[in-house]
């Protein structure tokens, strides 16, 4: 039962992180298209987006059962 609660929590966290990742992507595109673009801010957002992607992959790995070939 505890394992199911943990999986539900991870699934919920995954949904939130994916949404934040999409939001950052939109913000990066909007900021990059503005004139003049604040390159430092764009780089910070890209770094945060990459960090989110790493967390998403880590959580997906936890949710995917290991398959022994």
PDB file of N, CA and C in Angstrom:
ATOM      1  N   UNK A   1       0.831  -1.201   0.000  1.00  0.00           N
ATOM      2  CA  UNK A   1       0.000   0.000   0.000  1.00  0.00           C
ATOM      3  C   UNK A   1       0.872   1.260   0.000  1.00  0.00           C
ATOM      4  N   UNK A   2       1.920   1.246   0.816  1.00  0.00           N
ATOM      5  CA  UNK A   2       2.812   2.409   0.889  1.00  0.00           C
ATOM      6  C   UNK A   2       3.487   2.652  -0.450  1.00  0.00           C
ATOM      7  N   UNK A   3       3.778   1.560  -1.157  1.00  0.00           N
ATOM      8  CA  UNK A   3       4.425   1.689  -2.461  1.00  0.00           C
ATOM      9  C   UNK A   3       3.498   2.381  -3.459  1.00  0.00           C
ATOM     10  N   UNK A   4       2.200   2.070  -3.392  1.00  0.00           N
ATOM     11  CA  UNK A   4       1.234   2.721  -4.287  1.00  0.00           C
ATOM     12  C   UNK A   4       1.120   4.205  -3.979  1.00  0.00           C
ATOM     13  N   UNK A   5       1.138   4.567  -2.698  1.00  0.00           N
ATOM     14  CA  UNK A   5       1.086   5.973  -2.317  1.00  0.00           C
ATOM     15  C   UNK A   5       2.322   6.707  -2.811  1.00  0.00           C
ATOM     16  N   UNK A   6       3.471   6.052  -2.715  1.00  0.00           N
ATOM     17  CA  UNK A   6       4.713   6.648  -3.195  1.00  0.00           C
ATOM     18  C   UNK A   6       4.654   6.831  -4.709  1.00  0.00           C
ATOM     19  N   UNK A   7       4.131   5.833  -5.425  1.00  0.00           N
ATOM     20  CA  UNK A   7       4.014   5.961  -6.875  1.00  0.00           C
ATOM     21  C   UNK A   7       3.051   7.072  -7.250  1.00  0.00           C
ATOM     22  N   UNK A   8       1.952   7.191  -6.520  1.00  0.00           N
ATOM     23  CA  UNK A   8       1.000   8.276  -6.782  1.00  0.00           C
ATOM     24  C   UNK A   8       1.657   9.632  -6.541  1.00  0.00           C
ATOM     25  N   UNK A   9       2.429   9.726  -5.463  1.00  0.00           N
ATOM     26  CA  UNK A   9       3.126  10.978  -5.168  1.00  0.00           C
ATOM     27  C   UNK A   9       4.123  11.320  -6.270  1.00  0.00           C
ATOM     28  N   UNK A  10       4.859  10.300  -6.731  1.00  0.00           N
ATOM     29  CA  UNK A  10       5.828  10.529  -7.804  1.00  0.00           C
ATOM     30  C   UNK A  10       5.129  10.924  -9.101  1.00  0.00           C
ATOM     31  N   UNK A  11       3.987  10.293  -9.378  1.00  0.00           N
ATOM     32  CA  UNK A  11       3.228  10.641 -10.587  1.00  0.00           C
ATOM     33  C   UNK A  11       2.755  12.092 -10.517  1.00  0.00           C
ATOM     34  N   UNK A  12       2.258  12.502  -9.357  1.00  0.00           N
ATOM     35  CA  UNK A  12       1.801  13.883  -9.188  1.00  0.00           C
ATOM     36  C   UNK A  12       2.953  14.866  -9.343  1.00  0.00           C
ATOM     37  N   UNK A  13       4.092  14.533  -8.750  1.00  0.00           N
ATOM     38  CA  UNK A  13       5.269  15.380  -8.869  1.00  0.00           C
ATOM     39  C   UNK A  13       5.715  15.464 -10.320  1.00  0.00           C
ATOM     40  N   UNK A  14       5.653  14.355 -11.022  1.00  0.00           N
ATOM     41  CA  UNK A  14       6.039  14.312 -12.429  1.00  0.00           C
ATOM     42  C   UNK A  14       5.154  15.234 -13.268  1.00  0.00           C
ATOM     43  N   UNK A  15       3.870  15.226 -13.009  1.00  0.00           N
ATOM     44  CA  UNK A  15       2.936  16.097 -13.737  1.00  0.00           C
ATOM     45  C   UNK A  15       3.284  17.565 -13.476  1.00  0.00           C
ATOM     46  N   UNK A  16       3.566  17.893 -12.227  1.00  0.00           N
ATOM     47  CA  UNK A  16       3.897  19.283 -11.884  1.00  0.00           C
ATOM     48  C   UNK A  16       5.217  19.711 -12.535  1.00  0.00           C
ATOM     49  N   UNK A  17       6.207  18.827 -12.508  1.00  0.00           N
ATOM     50  CA  UNK A  17       7.502  19.167 -13.094  1.00  0.00           C
ATOM     51  C   UNK A  17       7.406  19.328 -14.605  1.00  0.00           C
ATOM     52  N   UNK A  18       6.623  18.464 -15.248  1.00  0.00           N
ATOM     53  CA  UNK A  18       6.449  18.587 -16.699  1.00  0.00           C
ATOM     54  C   UNK A  18       5.770  19.902 -17.059  1.00  0.00           C
ATOM     55  N   UNK A  19       4.786  20.318 -16.256  1.00  0.00           N
ATOM     56  CA  UNK A  19       4.110  21.586 -16.507  1.00  0.00           C
ATOM     57  C   UNK A  19       5.077  22.750 -16.321  1.00  0.00           C
ATOM     58  N   UNK A  20       5.880  22.692 -15.272  1.00  0.00           N
ATOM     59  CA  UNK A  20       6.856  23.751 -15.026  1.00  0.00           C
ATOM     60  C   UNK A  20       7.881  23.794 -16.175  1.00  0.00           C
ATOM     61  N   UNK A  21       8.253  22.626 -16.686  1.00  0.00           N
ATOM     62  CA  UNK A  21       9.202  22.538 -17.806  1.00  0.00           C
ATOM     63  C   UNK A  21       8.605  23.214 -19.044  1.00  0.00           C
ATOM     64  N   UNK A  22       7.327  22.949 -19.322  1.00  0.00           N
ATOM     65  CA  UNK A  22       6.652  23.591 -20.462  1.00  0.00           C
ATOM     66  C   UNK A  22       6.544  25.102 -20.261  1.00  0.00           C
ATOM     67  N   UNK A  23       6.231  25.516 -19.041  1.00  0.00           N
ATOM     68  CA  UNK A  23       6.126  26.945 -18.735  1.00  0.00           C
ATOM     69  C   UNK A  23       7.466  27.651 -18.946  1.00  0.00           C
ATOM     70  N   UNK A  24       8.540  27.012 -18.499  1.00  0.00           N
ATOM     71  CA  UNK A  24       9.866  27.588 -18.697  1.00  0.00           C
ATOM     72  C   UNK A  24      10.195  27.685 -20.184  1.00  0.00           C
ATOM     73  N   UNK A  25       9.815  26.674 -20.936  1.00  0.00           N
ATOM     74  CA  UNK A  25      10.060  26.690 -22.378  1.00  0.00           C
ATOM     75  C   UNK A  25       9.355  27.885 -23.019  1.00  0.00           C
ATOM     76  N   UNK A  26       8.119  28.122 -22.624  1.00  0.00           N
ATOM     77  CA  UNK A  26       7.370  29.262 -23.145  1.00  0.00           C
ATOM     78  C   UNK A  26       8.023  30.584 -22.741  1.00  0.00           C
ATOM     79  N   UNK A  27       8.464  30.658 -21.493  1.00  0.00           N
ATOM     80  CA  UNK A  27       9.106  31.884 -21.007  1.00  0.00           C
ATOM     81  C   UNK A  27      10.411  32.143 -21.748  1.00  0.00           C
ATOM     82  N   UNK A  28      11.171  31.086 -22.016  1.00  0.00           N
ATOM     83  CA  UNK A  28      12.433  31.233 -22.743  1.00  0.00           C
ATOM     84  C   UNK A  28      12.177  31.750 -24.152  1.00  0.00           C
ATOM     85  N   UNK A  29      11.183  31.159 -24.812  1.00  0.00           N
ATOM     86  CA  UNK A  29      10.863  31.608 -26.180  1.00  0.00           C
ATOM     87  C   UNK A  29      10.395  33.059 -26.192  1.00  0.00           C
ATOM     88  N   UNK A  30       9.572  33.430 -25.229  1.00  0.00           N
ATOM     89  CA  UNK A  30       9.078  34.805 -25.160  1.00  0.00           C
ATOM     90  C   UNK A  30      10.211  35.785 -24.883  1.00  0.00           C
ATOM     91  N   UNK A  31      11.086  35.427 -23.959  1.00  0.00           N
ATOM     92  CA  UNK A  31      12.201  36.302 -23.606  1.00  0.00           C
ATOM     93  C   UNK A  31      13.204  36.405 -24.753  1.00  0.00           C
ATOM     94  N   UNK A  32      13.463  35.291 -25.417  1.00  0.00           N
ATOM     95  CA  UNK A  32      14.428  35.283 -26.518  1.00  0.00           C
ATOM     96  C   UNK A  32      13.923  36.084 -27.723  1.00  0.00           C
ATOM     97  N   UNK A  33      12.615  36.141 -27.885  1.00  0.00           N
ATOM     98  CA  UNK A  33      12.068  36.864 -29.037  1.00  0.00           C
ATOM     99  C   UNK A  33      11.928  38.363 -28.772  1.00  0.00           C
ATOM    100  N   UNK A  34      12.056  38.763 -27.507  1.00  0.00           N
ATOM    101  CA  UNK A  34      11.976  40.189 -27.200  1.00  0.00           C
ATOM    102  C   UNK A  34      13.270  40.878 -27.620  1.00  0.00           C
ATOM    103  N   UNK A  35      13.151  42.158 -27.905  1.00  0.00           N
ATOM    104  CA  UNK A  35      14.321  42.905 -28.362  1.00  0.00           C
ATOM    105  C   UNK A  35      14.649  43.985 -27.358  1.00  0.00           C
ATOM    106  N   UNK A  36      15.821  44.121 -26.861  1.00  0.00           N
ATOM    107  CA  UNK A  36      16.892  43.117 -26.932  1.00  0.00           C
ATOM    108  C   UNK A  36      16.678  42.039 -25.875  1.00  0.00           C
ATOM    109  N   UNK A  37      17.030  40.827 -26.206  1.00  0.00           N
ATOM    110  CA  UNK A  37      16.845  39.709 -25.281  1.00  0.00           C
ATOM    111  C   UNK A  37      17.893  39.779 -24.166  1.00  0.00           C
ATOM    112  N   UNK A  38      17.465  39.500 -22.967  1.00  0.00           N
ATOM    113  CA  UNK A  38      18.365  39.454 -21.815  1.00  0.00           C
ATOM    114  C   UNK A  38      19.024  38.079 -21.801  1.00  0.00           C
ATOM    115  N   UNK A  39      20.218  37.995 -22.366  1.00  0.00           N
ATOM    116  CA  UNK A  39      20.883  36.705 -22.544  1.00  0.00           C
ATOM    117  C   UNK A  39      21.197  36.009 -21.222  1.00  0.00           C
ATOM    118  N   UNK A  40      21.537  36.778 -20.202  1.00  0.00           N
ATOM    119  CA  UNK A  40      21.828  36.179 -18.905  1.00  0.00           C
ATOM    120  C   UNK A  40      20.575  35.507 -18.337  1.00  0.00           C
ATOM    121  N   UNK A  41      19.451  36.177 -18.447  1.00  0.00           N
ATOM    122  CA  UNK A  41      18.191  35.610 -17.956  1.00  0.00           C
ATOM    123  C   UNK A  41      17.805  34.383 -18.769  1.00  0.00           C
ATOM    124  N   UNK A  42      17.996  34.431 -20.083  1.00  0.00           N
ATOM    125  CA  UNK A  42      17.694  33.281 -20.940  1.00  0.00           C
ATOM    126  C   UNK A  42      18.549  32.093 -20.517  1.00  0.00           C
ATOM    127  N   UNK A  43      19.841  32.325 -20.268  1.00  0.00           N
ATOM    128  CA  UNK A  43      20.737  31.244 -19.854  1.00  0.00           C
ATOM    129  C   UNK A  43      20.312  30.651 -18.512  1.00  0.00           C
ATOM    130  N   UNK A  44      19.894  31.504 -17.588  1.00  0.00           N
ATOM    131  CA  UNK A  44      19.440  31.013 -16.281  1.00  0.00           C
ATOM    132  C   UNK A  44      18.201  30.140 -16.427  1.00  0.00           C
ATOM    133  N   UNK A  45      17.268  30.582 -17.253  1.00  0.00           N
ATOM    134  CA  UNK A  45      16.053  29.801 -17.468  1.00  0.00           C
ATOM    135  C   UNK A  45      16.361  28.471 -18.150  1.00  0.00           C
ATOM    136  N   UNK A  46      17.279  28.488 -19.093  1.00  0.00           N
ATOM    137  CA  UNK A  46      17.662  27.250 -19.776  1.00  0.00           C
ATOM    138  C   UNK A  46      18.318  26.271 -18.803  1.00  0.00           C
ATOM    139  N   UNK A  47      19.134  26.797 -17.905  1.00  0.00           N
ATOM    140  CA  UNK A  47      19.791  25.947 -16.913  1.00  0.00           C
ATOM    141  C   UNK A  47      18.752  25.333 -15.974  1.00  0.00           C
ATOM    142  N   UNK A  48      17.778  26.138 -15.565  1.00  0.00           N
ATOM    143  CA  UNK A  48      16.715  25.632 -14.696  1.00  0.00           C
ATOM    144  C   UNK A  48      15.884  24.585 -15.431  1.00  0.00           C
ATOM    145  N   UNK A  49      15.619  24.827 -16.710  1.00  0.00           N
ATOM    146  CA  UNK A  49      14.852  23.879 -17.516  1.00  0.00           C
ATOM    147  C   UNK A  49      15.595  22.546 -17.637  1.00  0.00           C
ATOM    148  N   UNK A  50      16.892  22.602 -17.831  1.00  0.00           N
ATOM    149  CA  UNK A  50      17.698  21.392 -17.931  1.00  0.00           C
ATOM    150  C   UNK A  50      17.696  20.631 -16.604  1.00  0.00           C
ATOM    151  N   UNK A  51      17.773  21.356 -15.510  1.00  0.00           N
ATOM    152  CA  UNK A  51      17.719  20.730 -14.192  1.00  0.00           C
ATOM    153  C   UNK A  51      16.377  20.026 -13.982  1.00  0.00           C
ATOM    154  N   UNK A  52      15.301  20.671 -14.399  1.00  0.00           N
ATOM    155  CA  UNK A  52      13.972  20.058 -14.306  1.00  0.00           C
ATOM    156  C   UNK A  52      13.908  18.785 -15.142  1.00  0.00           C
ATOM    157  N   UNK A  53      14.483  18.834 -16.334  1.00  0.00           N
ATOM    158  CA  UNK A  53      14.473  17.666 -17.215  1.00  0.00           C
ATOM    159  C   UNK A  53      15.199  16.495 -16.551  1.00  0.00           C
ATOM    160  N   UNK A  54      16.315  16.785 -15.893  1.00  0.00           N
ATOM    161  CA  UNK A  54      17.056  15.735 -15.182  1.00  0.00           C
ATOM    162  C   UNK A  54      16.206  15.130 -14.064  1.00  0.00           C
ATOM    163  N   UNK A  55      15.485  15.972 -13.323  1.00  0.00           N
ATOM    164  CA  UNK A  55      14.597  15.462 -12.265  1.00  0.00           C
ATOM    165  C   UNK A  55      13.469  14.625 -12.842  1.00  0.00           C
ATOM    166  N   UNK A  56      12.912  15.065 -13.970  1.00  0.00           N
ATOM    167  CA  UNK A  56      11.838  14.321 -14.624  1.00  0.00           C
ATOM    168  C   UNK A  56      12.328  12.930 -15.023  1.00  0.00           C
ATOM    169  N   UNK A  57      13.498  12.869 -15.630  1.00  0.00           N
ATOM    170  CA  UNK A  57      14.058  11.585 -16.054  1.00  0.00           C
ATOM    171  C   UNK A  57      14.308  10.689 -14.848  1.00  0.00           C
ATOM    172  N   UNK A  58      14.818  11.262 -13.772  1.00  0.00           N
ATOM    173  CA  UNK A  58      15.083  10.488 -12.566  1.00  0.00           C
ATOM    174  C   UNK A  58      13.790   9.885 -12.006  1.00  0.00           C
ATOM    175  N   UNK A  59      12.733  10.668 -11.961  1.00  0.00           N
ATOM    176  CA  UNK A  59      11.447  10.184 -11.441  1.00  0.00           C
ATOM    177  C   UNK A  59      10.866   9.129 -12.378  1.00  0.00           C
ATOM    178  N   UNK A  60      10.971   9.348 -13.688  1.00  0.00           N
ATOM    179  CA  UNK A  60      10.486   8.353 -14.640  1.00  0.00           C
ATOM    180  C   UNK A  60      11.220   7.029 -14.451  1.00  0.00           C
ATOM    181  N   UNK A  61      12.516   7.092 -14.188  1.00  0.00           N
ATOM    182  CA  UNK A  61      13.298   5.879 -13.938  1.00  0.00           C
ATOM    183  C   UNK A  61      12.823   5.163 -12.680  1.00  0.00           C
ATOM    184  N   UNK A  62      12.449   5.926 -11.656  1.00  0.00           N
ATOM    185  CA  UNK A  62      11.944   5.310 -10.420  1.00  0.00           C
ATOM    186  C   UNK A  62      10.602   4.628 -10.643  1.00  0.00           C
ATOM    187  N   UNK A  63       9.806   5.190 -11.549  1.00  0.00           N
ATOM    188  CA  UNK A  63       8.470   4.637 -11.793  1.00  0.00           C
ATOM    189  C   UNK A  63       8.494   3.458 -12.762  1.00  0.00           C
ATOM    190  N   UNK A  64       9.540   3.361 -13.551  1.00  0.00           N
ATOM    191  CA  UNK A  64       9.637   2.284 -14.528  1.00  0.00           C
ATOM    192  C   UNK A  64      10.323   1.083 -13.870  1.00  0.00           C
ATOM    193  N   UNK A  65       9.660  -0.070 -13.888  1.00  0.00           N
ATOM    194  CA  UNK A  65      10.288  -1.243 -13.261  1.00  0.00           C
ATOM    195  C   UNK A  65      11.527  -1.690 -14.060  1.00  0.00           C
ATOM    196  N   UNK A  66      12.501  -2.208 -13.321  1.00  0.00           N
ATOM    197  CA  UNK A  66      13.698  -2.728 -13.970  1.00  0.00           C
ATOM    198  C   UNK A  66      13.356  -4.014 -14.705  1.00  0.00           C
ATOM    199  N   UNK A  67      13.819  -4.109 -15.939  1.00  0.00           N
ATOM    200  CA  UNK A  67      13.597  -5.291 -16.741  1.00  0.00           C
ATOM    201  C   UNK A  67      14.948  -5.958 -16.952  1.00  0.00           C
ATOM    202  N   UNK A  68      15.062  -7.165 -16.467  1.00  0.00           N
ATOM    203  CA  UNK A  68      16.319  -7.895 -16.624  1.00  0.00           C
ATOM    204  C   UNK A  68      16.252  -8.664 -17.929  1.00  0.00           C
ATOM    205  N   UNK A  69      17.174  -8.337 -18.830  1.00  0.00           N
ATOM    206  CA  UNK A  69      17.160  -8.974 -20.141  1.00  0.00           C
ATOM    207  C   UNK A  69      17.933 -10.273 -20.127  1.00  0.00           C
TER     208      UNK A  69
END
